[in-house]
Amino acid sequence: MKELPPPSDVKASDSTAGSAPETAAAADTGSVAPGMAERTGARTSPVSFGAIIIVIVAVLLLGQWWLAQRQLGELREDVARRLRSSETATAEARVMLKSIQEGMQALQAKVNVIESRQSETQSQQVALEQLYQELARTRDDWTLAEIEQVLSTANQQLQLAGNVQGAIIALRSADARLALSDTPQFVRVRRAIAEDLERLKALPSVDLASIALRLDSVIGKVDKLPLLADEKPAAPASVATAESAAAPSAGTAAPGNWLARIESLWLRWKSEVWNDVKQVVQVRKVDAPDALLLSPDQAYYARENLKLRLLNARLALWMRNETAFRNDLALAQDVIAHYFDTHARQTQNVQTLLRQVQQSELAIEMPTLAESLNAVRSFTATQAAPQ
């Protein structure tokens, strides 16, 4: 029968049962003395317990770390999943926003098209209303409209160009048109037209055409007017008298009187020499010395300047601008007196014509056709009021 080990050995083996190396060591040392085994087991039991605690703590820490890492991974996966879902939602929102914007643009384009069509419809409606009103007019309305247009044009010509005859013709034509109508209400309009017609007939007449013709004749004579620079000196009267006296004496001298013939030849030769000497140096009194020094080019420009002044006066005459008309005529007379020979008959005739033209009266206050126009417009307004 086999013997049991001592109690110390049993306790030591129990305390080291969890460690395989120590069990093997205990088996190897079975032949060791019992006292030595007891001391060895008593010395290693606290160390084995601490190692077990450390191992347990390490296992717990490892498990805790593993759980933490697992939770962190799950958290990361959750965050990544949520980020992906949020990015997907953002992309969907962007797509939806883009589609909404495109839809808004399409709606705005449709609204613009509708507004343009509405404006076109309104303009067409206004045009149709005007066309309907024009078609709804009677013959008297058309007559009044034409008369108003004619009187307005005649009034403008009367105020701007002083066309009195044109205004009289327009008033007579309007009165004749109204006389053909059977409407009794036209009597007031015809009375106003008659008053304007009498006022125009009472105006003093200004023959602008004759004044313009005189200016044209003066303009045509400018190129033939002699300039001071073109004037040629005349032969002295004493020389001409001596020549005329010497010629008869030479002709009446007897053929044998050679002394008288020599004397007449001497007098003729002396007069010719003296005339030539006097033509070398001339002393004259001229108010404008620069007029004698005009070159051919300057003489041309002097004539053209005079023509330009006369043309401006003619334009001011047709425009009934009396101030400009008289100023241009005065400047033209100054040019003639400064550069042209006023002793020549042609120049004197031109100056006489300019003085006659300058004495013409142009300041005539032109009346207006306001009464006739107001009568026509008031009648048209009263006819259109019930509509």
Protein backbone atom coordinates (compact mmCIF):
# COMPACT_ATOMS: atom_id res chain seq x y z
CA MET A 1 0.00 0.00 0.00
CA LYS A 2 1.36 3.45 -1.10
CA GLU A 3 2.08 6.14 1.52
CA LEU A 4 0.50 9.56 1.46
CA PRO A 5 2.71 12.67 1.27
CA PRO A 6 3.07 14.88 4.27
CA PRO A 7 0.64 17.75 4.77
CA SER A 8 3.20 20.41 3.90
CA ASP A 9 3.82 18.84 0.59
CA VAL A 10 0.13 18.63 -0.09
CA LYS A 11 -0.30 22.33 0.68
CA ALA A 12 2.67 23.24 -1.43
CA SER A 13 1.40 21.18 -4.30
CA ASP A 14 -2.03 22.81 -3.96
CA SER A 15 -0.57 26.30 -3.94
CA THR A 16 1.48 25.61 -7.03
CA ALA A 17 -1.07 23.58 -8.88
CA GLY A 18 -1.69 26.39 -11.38
CA SER A 19 1.99 26.54 -12.42
CA ALA A 20 3.26 23.73 -14.63
CA PRO A 21 6.98 24.40 -14.24
CA GLU A 22 6.77 24.43 -10.53
CA THR A 23 4.88 21.07 -10.53
CA ALA A 24 7.57 19.61 -12.70
CA ALA A 25 10.20 20.93 -10.41
CA ALA A 26 8.38 19.45 -7.44
CA ALA A 27 8.21 16.09 -9.18
CA ASP A 28 11.88 16.26 -9.97
CA THR A 29 12.70 17.06 -6.41
CA GLY A 30 10.68 14.20 -4.94
CA SER A 31 13.82 12.78 -3.56
CA VAL A 32 14.62 16.02 -1.70
CA ALA A 33 14.40 16.05 1.96
CA PRO A 34 11.11 16.90 3.54
CA GLY A 35 12.49 19.89 5.44
CA MET A 36 13.95 21.44 2.33
CA ALA A 37 10.59 21.05 0.51
CA GLU A 38 8.69 22.75 3.25
CA ARG A 39 11.02 25.76 3.25
CA THR A 40 10.83 26.11 -0.50
CA GLY A 41 6.99 25.98 -0.63
CA ALA A 42 6.71 28.53 2.20
CA ARG A 43 9.05 30.90 0.30
CA THR A 44 7.30 30.76 -3.19
CA SER A 45 3.62 30.90 -2.23
CA PRO A 46 3.37 34.80 -1.89
CA VAL A 47 5.16 35.29 -5.19
CA SER A 48 2.78 32.95 -6.99
CA PHE A 49 -0.23 34.77 -5.54
CA GLY A 50 1.06 38.19 -6.63
CA ALA A 51 1.79 36.89 -10.09
CA ILE A 52 -1.73 35.57 -10.29
CA ILE A 53 -3.10 38.98 -9.27
CA ILE A 54 -0.88 40.72 -11.82
CA VAL A 55 -1.97 38.32 -14.50
CA ILE A 56 -5.61 38.85 -13.58
CA VAL A 57 -5.15 42.64 -13.60
CA ALA A 58 -3.32 42.41 -16.90
CA VAL A 59 -6.10 40.26 -18.31
CA LEU A 60 -8.68 42.77 -17.04
CA LEU A 61 -6.72 45.70 -18.50
CA LEU A 62 -6.32 43.84 -21.75
CA GLY A 63 -10.01 43.11 -21.83
CA GLN A 64 -10.80 46.71 -20.96
CA TRP A 65 -8.47 47.92 -23.68
CA TRP A 66 -10.00 45.51 -26.15
CA LEU A 67 -13.51 46.71 -25.24
CA ALA A 68 -12.41 50.34 -25.52
CA GLN A 69 -10.86 49.70 -28.92
CA ARG A 70 -13.98 47.89 -30.03
CA GLN A 71 -16.22 50.70 -28.84
CA LEU A 72 -13.94 53.26 -30.48
CA GLY A 73 -14.08 51.32 -33.76
CA GLU A 74 -17.84 51.13 -33.54
CA LEU A 75 -17.95 54.85 -32.78
CA ARG A 76 -15.74 55.57 -35.77
CA GLU A 77 -17.87 53.40 -37.99
CA ASP A 78 -20.97 55.17 -36.68
CA VAL A 79 -19.45 58.60 -37.28
CA ALA A 80 -18.27 57.56 -40.76
CA ARG A 81 -21.70 56.16 -41.53
CA ARG A 82 -23.37 59.32 -40.36
CA LEU A 83 -20.89 61.45 -42.35
CA ARG A 84 -21.62 59.39 -45.42
CA SER A 85 -25.31 59.74 -44.85
CA SER A 86 -24.96 63.51 -44.28
CA GLU A 87 -22.85 63.85 -47.46
CA THR A 88 -25.46 61.88 -49.33
CA ALA A 89 -28.18 64.13 -47.91
CA THR A 90 -26.13 67.22 -48.79
CA ALA A 91 -25.62 66.00 -52.34
CA GLU A 92 -29.31 65.23 -52.63
CA ALA A 93 -30.10 68.69 -51.21
CA ARG A 94 -27.76 70.29 -53.76
CA VAL A 95 -29.35 68.37 -56.58
CA MET A 96 -32.77 69.33 -55.29
CA LEU A 97 -31.71 72.98 -54.91
CA LYS A 98 -30.30 73.00 -58.44
CA SER A 99 -33.50 71.52 -59.78
CA ILE A 100 -35.50 74.09 -57.81
CA GLN A 101 -33.35 76.90 -59.23
CA GLU A 102 -33.78 75.55 -62.74
CA GLY A 103 -37.49 75.33 -62.13
CA MET A 104 -37.52 78.92 -60.84
CA GLN A 105 -35.62 80.10 -63.91
CA ALA A 106 -38.02 78.29 -66.15
CA LEU A 107 -40.95 79.82 -64.25
CA GLN A 108 -39.35 83.28 -64.48
CA ALA A 109 -38.86 82.86 -68.22
CA LYS A 110 -42.49 81.81 -68.55
CA VAL A 111 -43.55 84.81 -66.45
CA ASN A 112 -41.49 87.13 -68.67
CA VAL A 113 -43.06 85.62 -71.75
CA ILE A 114 -46.50 86.03 -70.23
CA GLU A 115 -45.76 89.66 -69.27
CA SER A 116 -44.46 90.46 -72.78
CA ARG A 117 -47.52 88.88 -74.31
CA GLN A 118 -49.70 90.79 -71.88
CA SER A 119 -48.00 94.09 -72.85
CA GLU A 120 -48.39 93.21 -76.52
CA THR A 121 -52.02 92.40 -75.89
CA GLN A 122 -52.52 95.72 -74.11
CA SER A 123 -50.81 97.66 -76.91
CA GLN A 124 -52.92 95.82 -79.46
CA GLN A 125 -55.98 96.60 -77.43
CA VAL A 126 -55.05 100.31 -77.32
CA ALA A 127 -54.41 100.28 -81.08
CA LEU A 128 -57.73 98.58 -81.66
CA GLU A 129 -59.48 101.16 -79.50
CA GLN A 130 -57.84 103.99 -81.42
CA LEU A 131 -58.74 102.34 -84.70
CA TYR A 132 -62.28 101.90 -83.51
CA GLN A 133 -62.46 105.55 -82.49
CA GLU A 134 -61.08 106.63 -85.85
CA LEU A 135 -63.53 104.40 -87.68
CA ALA A 136 -66.35 105.67 -85.51
CA ARG A 137 -65.75 109.28 -86.53
CA THR A 138 -68.26 110.92 -88.80
CA ARG A 139 -67.53 112.93 -91.90
CA ASP A 140 -67.70 116.18 -89.91
CA ASP A 141 -65.06 114.89 -87.51
CA TRP A 142 -62.74 114.11 -90.39
CA THR A 143 -63.39 117.56 -91.86
CA LEU A 144 -62.57 119.25 -88.55
CA ALA A 145 -59.41 117.18 -88.16
CA GLU A 146 -58.18 118.14 -91.63
CA ILE A 147 -59.02 121.82 -91.04
CA GLU A 148 -57.18 121.80 -87.73
CA GLN A 149 -54.10 120.30 -89.40
CA VAL A 150 -54.17 122.87 -92.21
CA LEU A 151 -54.62 125.80 -89.82
CA SER A 152 -51.82 124.56 -87.54
CA THR A 153 -49.40 124.31 -90.47
CA ALA A 154 -50.41 127.76 -91.75
CA ASN A 155 -49.92 129.23 -88.26
CA GLN A 156 -46.40 127.78 -88.04
CA GLN A 157 -45.46 129.17 -91.45
CA LEU A 158 -46.94 132.54 -90.50
CA GLN A 159 -44.88 132.80 -87.32
CA LEU A 160 -41.62 131.38 -88.67
CA ALA A 161 -41.51 132.65 -92.26
CA GLY A 162 -44.16 135.38 -92.28
CA ASN A 163 -46.10 133.64 -95.05
CA VAL A 164 -49.21 135.83 -94.96
CA GLN A 165 -50.52 134.72 -98.34
CA GLY A 166 -50.24 131.06 -97.35
CA ALA A 167 -52.20 131.71 -94.15
CA ILE A 168 -54.91 133.58 -96.10
CA ILE A 169 -55.21 130.70 -98.59
CA ALA A 170 -55.46 128.19 -95.72
CA LEU A 171 -58.22 130.19 -93.99
CA ARG A 172 -60.20 130.53 -97.23
CA SER A 173 -59.88 126.80 -97.91
CA ALA A 174 -61.07 125.95 -94.39
CA ASP A 175 -64.05 128.29 -94.70
CA ALA A 176 -64.98 126.73 -98.05
CA ARG A 177 -64.79 123.22 -96.55
CA LEU A 178 -67.04 124.23 -93.66
CA ALA A 179 -69.50 125.92 -96.04
CA LEU A 180 -70.09 122.59 -97.82
CA SER A 181 -71.29 120.98 -94.56
CA ASP A 182 -74.89 121.26 -93.37
CA THR A 183 -73.94 121.35 -89.68
CA PRO A 184 -75.23 124.57 -88.08
CA GLN A 185 -72.69 124.35 -85.26
CA PHE A 186 -69.93 125.31 -87.70
CA VAL A 187 -71.12 128.93 -87.67
CA ARG A 188 -69.00 129.80 -84.63
CA VAL A 189 -65.92 128.23 -86.24
CA ARG A 190 -66.52 130.11 -89.50
CA ARG A 191 -66.93 133.38 -87.57
CA ALA A 192 -63.50 132.88 -85.92
CA ILE A 193 -61.93 132.05 -89.30
CA ALA A 194 -63.46 135.22 -90.81
CA GLU A 195 -62.01 137.37 -88.01
CA ASP A 196 -58.53 135.92 -88.51
CA LEU A 197 -58.86 136.42 -92.27
CA GLU A 198 -59.75 140.11 -91.87
CA ARG A 199 -56.85 140.59 -89.48
CA LEU A 200 -54.41 139.16 -92.02
CA LYS A 201 -55.79 141.26 -94.85
CA ALA A 202 -55.28 144.44 -92.79
CA LEU A 203 -51.52 143.81 -92.47
CA PRO A 204 -49.19 146.11 -94.44
CA SER A 205 -47.65 144.34 -97.38
CA VAL A 206 -43.89 143.89 -97.57
CA ASP A 207 -42.58 142.97 -100.99
CA LEU A 208 -39.83 140.63 -99.93
CA ALA A 209 -39.40 139.29 -103.45
CA SER A 210 -38.47 142.71 -104.91
CA ILE A 211 -36.01 143.37 -102.09
CA ALA A 212 -34.43 139.97 -102.65
CA LEU A 213 -34.18 140.69 -106.40
CA ARG A 214 -32.38 143.97 -105.68
CA LEU A 215 -29.91 142.15 -103.46
CA ASP A 216 -29.37 139.55 -106.19
CA SER A 217 -28.63 142.29 -108.72
CA VAL A 218 -26.10 143.84 -106.33
CA ILE A 219 -24.46 140.45 -105.79
CA GLY A 220 -24.18 140.04 -109.57
CA LYS A 221 -22.41 143.41 -109.92
CA VAL A 222 -19.77 142.78 -107.25
CA ASP A 223 -17.31 141.16 -109.67
CA LYS A 224 -17.41 144.23 -111.93
CA LEU A 225 -16.95 146.88 -109.24
CA PRO A 226 -13.56 148.67 -109.51
CA LEU A 227 -11.24 148.39 -106.53
CA LEU A 228 -9.02 151.19 -105.27
CA ALA A 229 -6.02 149.01 -106.07
CA ASP A 230 -7.19 148.79 -109.71
CA GLU A 231 -7.70 152.55 -110.22
CA LYS A 232 -5.59 154.13 -113.04
CA PRO A 233 -4.50 157.77 -112.82
CA ALA A 234 -6.07 160.19 -115.32
CA ALA A 235 -4.09 162.61 -117.50
CA PRO A 236 -3.69 166.08 -115.96
CA ALA A 237 -5.93 168.78 -117.34
CA SER A 238 -3.05 171.19 -117.98
CA VAL A 239 -1.21 168.63 -120.09
CA ALA A 240 -4.32 167.85 -122.10
CA THR A 241 -4.93 171.59 -122.60
CA ALA A 242 -1.34 172.13 -123.73
CA GLU A 243 -1.58 169.23 -126.17
CA SER A 244 -4.87 170.49 -127.55
CA ALA A 245 -3.42 173.99 -127.87
CA ALA A 246 -0.23 172.77 -129.49
CA ALA A 247 -1.98 170.56 -132.02
CA PRO A 248 -3.97 173.38 -133.71
CA SER A 249 -0.98 175.65 -133.76
CA ALA A 250 1.05 172.94 -135.44
CA GLY A 251 -1.73 172.25 -137.90
CA THR A 252 -2.37 175.94 -138.73
CA ALA A 253 1.28 176.89 -139.04
CA ALA A 254 2.30 177.90 -142.52
CA PRO A 255 4.54 175.57 -144.43
CA GLY A 256 7.27 178.18 -144.55
CA ASN A 257 7.09 179.21 -140.90
CA TRP A 258 9.61 176.73 -139.60
CA LEU A 259 10.12 178.60 -136.34
CA ALA A 260 6.48 178.04 -135.29
CA ARG A 261 6.73 174.39 -136.19
CA ILE A 262 9.87 173.95 -134.08
CA GLU A 263 8.18 175.72 -131.19
CA SER A 264 5.13 173.45 -131.37
CA LEU A 265 7.34 170.36 -131.45
CA TRP A 266 9.26 171.64 -128.45
CA LEU A 267 6.08 172.23 -126.45
CA ARG A 268 4.73 168.76 -127.30
CA TRP A 269 7.98 167.06 -126.33
CA LYS A 270 8.15 169.02 -123.07
CA SER A 271 4.55 168.09 -122.15
CA GLU A 272 5.17 164.39 -122.84
CA VAL A 273 8.33 164.37 -120.74
CA TRP A 274 6.59 166.17 -117.89
CA ASN A 275 3.66 163.73 -118.03
CA ASP A 276 6.04 160.78 -117.83
CA VAL A 277 7.84 162.33 -114.88
CA LYS A 278 4.54 162.93 -113.04
CA GLN A 279 3.50 159.33 -113.57
CA VAL A 280 6.67 158.08 -111.88
CA VAL A 281 5.71 159.54 -108.49
CA GLN A 282 2.05 160.16 -107.49
CA VAL A 283 0.78 161.77 -104.31
CA ARG A 284 -2.85 160.93 -103.44
CA LYS A 285 -5.02 161.23 -100.34
CA VAL A 286 -6.64 157.86 -99.46
CA ASP A 287 -8.63 157.13 -96.29
CA ALA A 288 -7.63 153.41 -96.31
CA PRO A 289 -3.99 153.04 -97.37
CA ASP A 290 -4.12 149.25 -97.07
CA ALA A 291 -6.77 149.15 -99.82
CA LEU A 292 -4.15 150.26 -102.35
CA LEU A 293 -1.85 147.39 -101.40
CA LEU A 294 -4.24 144.53 -102.11
CA SER A 295 -2.73 141.60 -103.97
CA PRO A 296 -4.84 139.74 -106.57
CA ASP A 297 -5.66 137.04 -104.00
CA GLN A 298 -6.67 139.61 -101.41
CA ALA A 299 -8.82 141.42 -103.98
CA TYR A 300 -10.60 138.13 -104.72
CA TYR A 301 -11.29 137.54 -101.03
CA ALA A 302 -12.50 141.12 -100.60
CA ARG A 303 -15.11 140.59 -103.33
CA GLU A 304 -16.13 137.21 -101.88
CA ASN A 305 -16.48 138.74 -98.42
CA LEU A 306 -18.81 141.39 -99.83
CA LYS A 307 -20.87 138.68 -101.56
CA LEU A 308 -21.07 136.71 -98.32
CA ARG A 309 -22.39 139.75 -96.44
CA LEU A 310 -25.05 140.34 -99.07
CA LEU A 311 -26.09 136.66 -99.04
CA ASN A 312 -26.42 136.77 -95.24
CA ALA A 313 -28.60 139.86 -95.57
CA ARG A 314 -30.77 138.04 -98.13
CA LEU A 315 -31.17 135.07 -95.78
CA ALA A 316 -32.07 137.37 -92.88
CA LEU A 317 -34.62 139.06 -95.16
CA TRP A 318 -36.49 135.80 -95.81
CA MET A 319 -36.29 134.94 -92.11
CA ARG A 320 -37.63 138.42 -91.24
CA ASN A 321 -34.67 139.01 -88.93
CA GLU A 322 -34.50 142.77 -89.26
CA THR A 323 -31.52 143.21 -86.92
CA ALA A 324 -29.28 140.78 -88.81
CA PHE A 325 -30.53 142.17 -92.12
CA ARG A 326 -29.55 145.76 -91.32
CA ASN A 327 -26.23 144.74 -89.72
CA ASP A 328 -25.17 142.76 -92.79
CA LEU A 329 -26.12 145.63 -95.11
CA ALA A 330 -24.15 148.10 -92.98
CA LEU A 331 -21.09 145.83 -93.05
CA ALA A 332 -21.43 145.45 -96.84
CA GLN A 333 -21.49 149.24 -97.26
CA ASP A 334 -18.39 149.55 -95.06
CA VAL A 335 -16.57 147.01 -97.24
CA ILE A 336 -17.52 148.92 -100.39
CA ALA A 337 -16.38 152.25 -98.93
CA HIS A 338 -13.11 150.75 -97.71
CA TYR A 339 -11.88 148.69 -100.67
CA PHE A 340 -13.79 149.89 -103.74
CA ASP A 341 -13.61 153.07 -105.79
CA THR A 342 -16.58 155.16 -104.63
CA HIS A 343 -16.03 157.71 -107.43
CA ALA A 344 -16.91 155.14 -110.10
CA ARG A 345 -20.46 155.21 -111.43
CA GLN A 346 -20.98 151.45 -110.90
CA THR A 347 -20.01 151.70 -107.24
CA GLN A 348 -22.34 154.67 -106.71
CA ASN A 349 -25.23 152.78 -108.29
CA VAL A 350 -24.62 149.80 -105.98
CA GLN A 351 -24.50 152.07 -102.93
CA THR A 352 -27.76 153.70 -103.97
CA LEU A 353 -29.46 150.30 -104.30
CA LEU A 354 -28.20 149.21 -100.88
CA ARG A 355 -29.47 152.41 -99.26
CA GLN A 356 -32.90 151.87 -100.83
CA VAL A 357 -32.99 148.26 -99.61
CA GLN A 358 -31.87 149.27 -96.14
CA GLN A 359 -34.76 151.75 -95.85
CA SER A 360 -37.32 148.94 -96.31
CA GLU A 361 -39.44 148.16 -93.28
CA LEU A 362 -39.52 144.52 -92.14
CA ALA A 363 -40.71 144.88 -88.55
CA ILE A 364 -44.30 143.70 -88.91
CA GLU A 365 -45.87 141.91 -85.96
CA MET A 366 -47.49 138.82 -87.33
CA PRO A 367 -50.81 137.77 -85.80
CA THR A 368 -51.64 134.18 -84.96
CA LEU A 369 -54.49 131.91 -85.98
CA ALA A 370 -55.22 131.11 -82.35
CA GLU A 371 -58.91 132.02 -82.50
CA SER A 372 -59.64 129.71 -85.42
CA LEU A 373 -57.64 126.86 -83.92
CA ASN A 374 -59.29 127.25 -80.51
CA ALA A 375 -62.74 127.30 -82.11
CA VAL A 376 -62.06 124.10 -84.05
CA ARG A 377 -60.53 122.34 -81.01
CA SER A 378 -63.33 123.37 -78.64
CA PHE A 379 -65.95 122.16 -81.11
CA THR A 380 -64.11 118.83 -81.47
CA ALA A 381 -63.91 118.49 -77.67
CA THR A 382 -67.64 119.15 -77.24
CA GLN A 383 -68.44 116.59 -79.94
CA ALA A 384 -66.22 113.93 -78.30
CA ALA A 385 -67.37 114.58 -74.71
CA PRO A 386 -70.57 112.43 -74.77
CA GLN A 387 -68.61 109.45 -76.07
